[in-house]
Amino acid sequence: MDESKPCLVLVTTSDRNEAERIAAALVKWRMAACVSILPGVESLFWWEGKVDSAVEFLLLIKTTFDRFSDVEAAVREYHSYKVPEIVALPISAGHEPYLAWLEASVRPAES
């Protein structure tokens, strides 16, 4: 996999303040080109041996695979969940000018 290729990272949060704090940090530090915040996501999940539910905020984080480990570390630092959802999906196709902007907006990981 080409590490400079774009990806979409999904993260759910417990409330808007947490979502905004994580989104602002990722964009400010140029780990992400853009973070969209979707309110009112209803989640059902297994937790501690039983089915649980929550109304959450979903972050759609547009970044590159070479920044995933930095994004993951930042989310873990600012997140309130013991086990936060942090899932990366490849962006296999898209509007070329948008993808070029995305890649140009994310600074490469420092060595």
Protein backbone atom coordinates (compact mmCIF):
# COMPACT_ATOMS: atom_id res chain seq x y z
CA MET A 1 0.00 0.00 0.00
CA ASP A 2 1.25 3.48 -0.90
CA GLU A 3 1.52 5.27 2.44
CA SER A 4 0.92 8.68 0.84
CA LYS A 5 -2.50 7.57 -0.45
CA PRO A 6 -5.58 9.15 1.09
CA CYS A 7 -7.76 7.42 3.62
CA LEU A 8 -10.89 8.09 5.64
CA VAL A 9 -10.63 7.51 9.40
CA LEU A 10 -13.84 6.91 11.36
CA VAL A 11 -13.98 7.91 15.02
CA THR A 12 -17.03 8.12 17.28
CA THR A 13 -17.11 10.42 20.31
CA SER A 14 -19.37 10.84 23.31
CA ASP A 15 -20.27 14.51 22.75
CA ARG A 16 -19.80 17.56 20.53
CA ASN A 17 -17.06 19.12 22.69
CA GLU A 18 -14.91 16.01 22.43
CA ALA A 19 -15.56 15.79 18.67
CA GLU A 20 -14.61 19.44 18.14
CA ARG A 21 -11.50 19.18 20.33
CA ILE A 22 -10.20 16.16 18.39
CA ALA A 23 -11.11 17.64 14.99
CA ALA A 24 -9.44 20.98 15.77
CA ALA A 25 -6.22 19.32 16.94
CA LEU A 26 -5.97 17.08 13.86
CA VAL A 27 -6.50 19.93 11.41
CA LYS A 28 -4.30 22.41 13.32
CA TRP A 29 -1.38 19.95 13.37
CA ARG A 30 -2.04 19.10 9.68
CA MET A 31 -2.62 15.43 10.45
CA ALA A 32 -5.91 15.78 8.57
CA ALA A 33 -6.98 17.97 5.67
CA CYS A 34 -10.57 18.06 6.90
CA VAL A 35 -12.70 16.54 9.66
CA SER A 36 -16.48 16.39 9.25
CA ILE A 37 -18.55 16.05 12.42
CA LEU A 38 -21.85 14.18 12.13
CA PRO A 39 -24.15 14.49 15.18
CA GLY A 40 -26.80 12.06 16.35
CA VAL A 41 -25.24 8.74 15.35
CA GLU A 42 -27.01 5.93 17.21
CA SER A 43 -24.68 3.04 18.02
CA LEU A 44 -25.50 -0.45 19.31
CA PHE A 45 -22.52 -2.50 20.45
CA TRP A 46 -21.24 -5.25 22.70
CA TRP A 47 -19.51 -3.85 25.80
CA GLU A 48 -18.51 -5.69 28.97
CA GLY A 49 -20.57 -8.77 28.14
CA LYS A 50 -23.84 -7.12 27.14
CA VAL A 51 -25.47 -5.10 24.39
CA ASP A 52 -25.19 -1.37 25.04
CA SER A 53 -26.17 1.74 23.10
CA ALA A 54 -25.18 5.38 22.83
CA VAL A 55 -25.91 8.50 20.84
CA GLU A 56 -22.55 9.65 19.52
CA PHE A 57 -20.84 12.05 17.16
CA LEU A 58 -19.05 10.55 14.16
CA LEU A 59 -15.83 12.10 12.88
CA LEU A 60 -14.97 11.58 9.21
CA ILE A 61 -11.25 12.32 9.14
CA LYS A 62 -9.68 12.85 5.70
CA THR A 63 -5.96 12.11 5.86
CA THR A 64 -3.26 9.88 4.37
CA PHE A 65 -2.12 6.43 5.46
CA ASP A 66 1.32 7.74 6.43
CA ARG A 67 -0.36 9.95 9.06
CA PHE A 68 -2.63 7.22 10.48
CA SER A 69 -0.39 6.37 13.46
CA ASP A 70 -0.20 10.08 14.39
CA VAL A 71 -3.96 10.48 14.03
CA GLU A 72 -4.50 7.38 16.17
CA ALA A 73 -2.15 8.69 18.89
CA ALA A 74 -3.84 12.10 18.93
CA VAL A 75 -7.34 10.60 19.09
CA ARG A 76 -6.29 8.32 21.96
CA GLU A 77 -4.81 11.29 23.83
CA TYR A 78 -7.97 13.42 23.57
CA HIS A 79 -10.62 10.69 23.69
CA SER A 80 -12.68 9.79 26.76
CA TYR A 81 -13.41 6.17 25.78
CA LYS A 82 -11.30 3.33 27.12
CA VAL A 83 -11.44 1.70 23.67
CA PRO A 84 -12.22 4.35 21.04
CA GLU A 85 -13.24 3.43 17.52
CA ILE A 86 -10.37 4.41 15.20
CA VAL A 87 -10.78 2.72 11.82
CA ALA A 88 -9.04 3.67 8.54
CA LEU A 89 -10.61 2.95 5.15
CA PRO A 90 -8.79 3.46 1.85
CA ILE A 91 -10.10 6.06 -0.55
CA SER A 92 -9.73 4.09 -3.77
CA ALA A 93 -11.17 6.74 -6.10
CA GLY A 94 -12.38 10.30 -5.98
CA HIS A 95 -12.46 13.70 -7.64
CA GLU A 96 -8.79 14.19 -8.54
CA PRO A 97 -8.59 17.91 -7.63
CA TYR A 98 -10.07 17.12 -4.19
CA LEU A 99 -7.68 14.23 -3.61
CA ALA A 100 -4.72 16.42 -4.65
CA TRP A 101 -5.88 19.12 -2.20
CA LEU A 102 -6.24 16.50 0.55
CA GLU A 103 -2.73 15.15 0.05
CA ALA A 104 -1.25 18.68 -0.18
CA SER A 105 -3.05 19.76 3.02
CA VAL A 106 -1.66 16.95 5.17
CA ARG A 107 1.95 17.39 6.20
CA PRO A 108 4.09 14.27 5.88
CA ALA A 109 4.90 12.48 9.12
CA GLU A 110 8.16 13.63 10.67
CA SER A 111 10.90 11.04 10.74
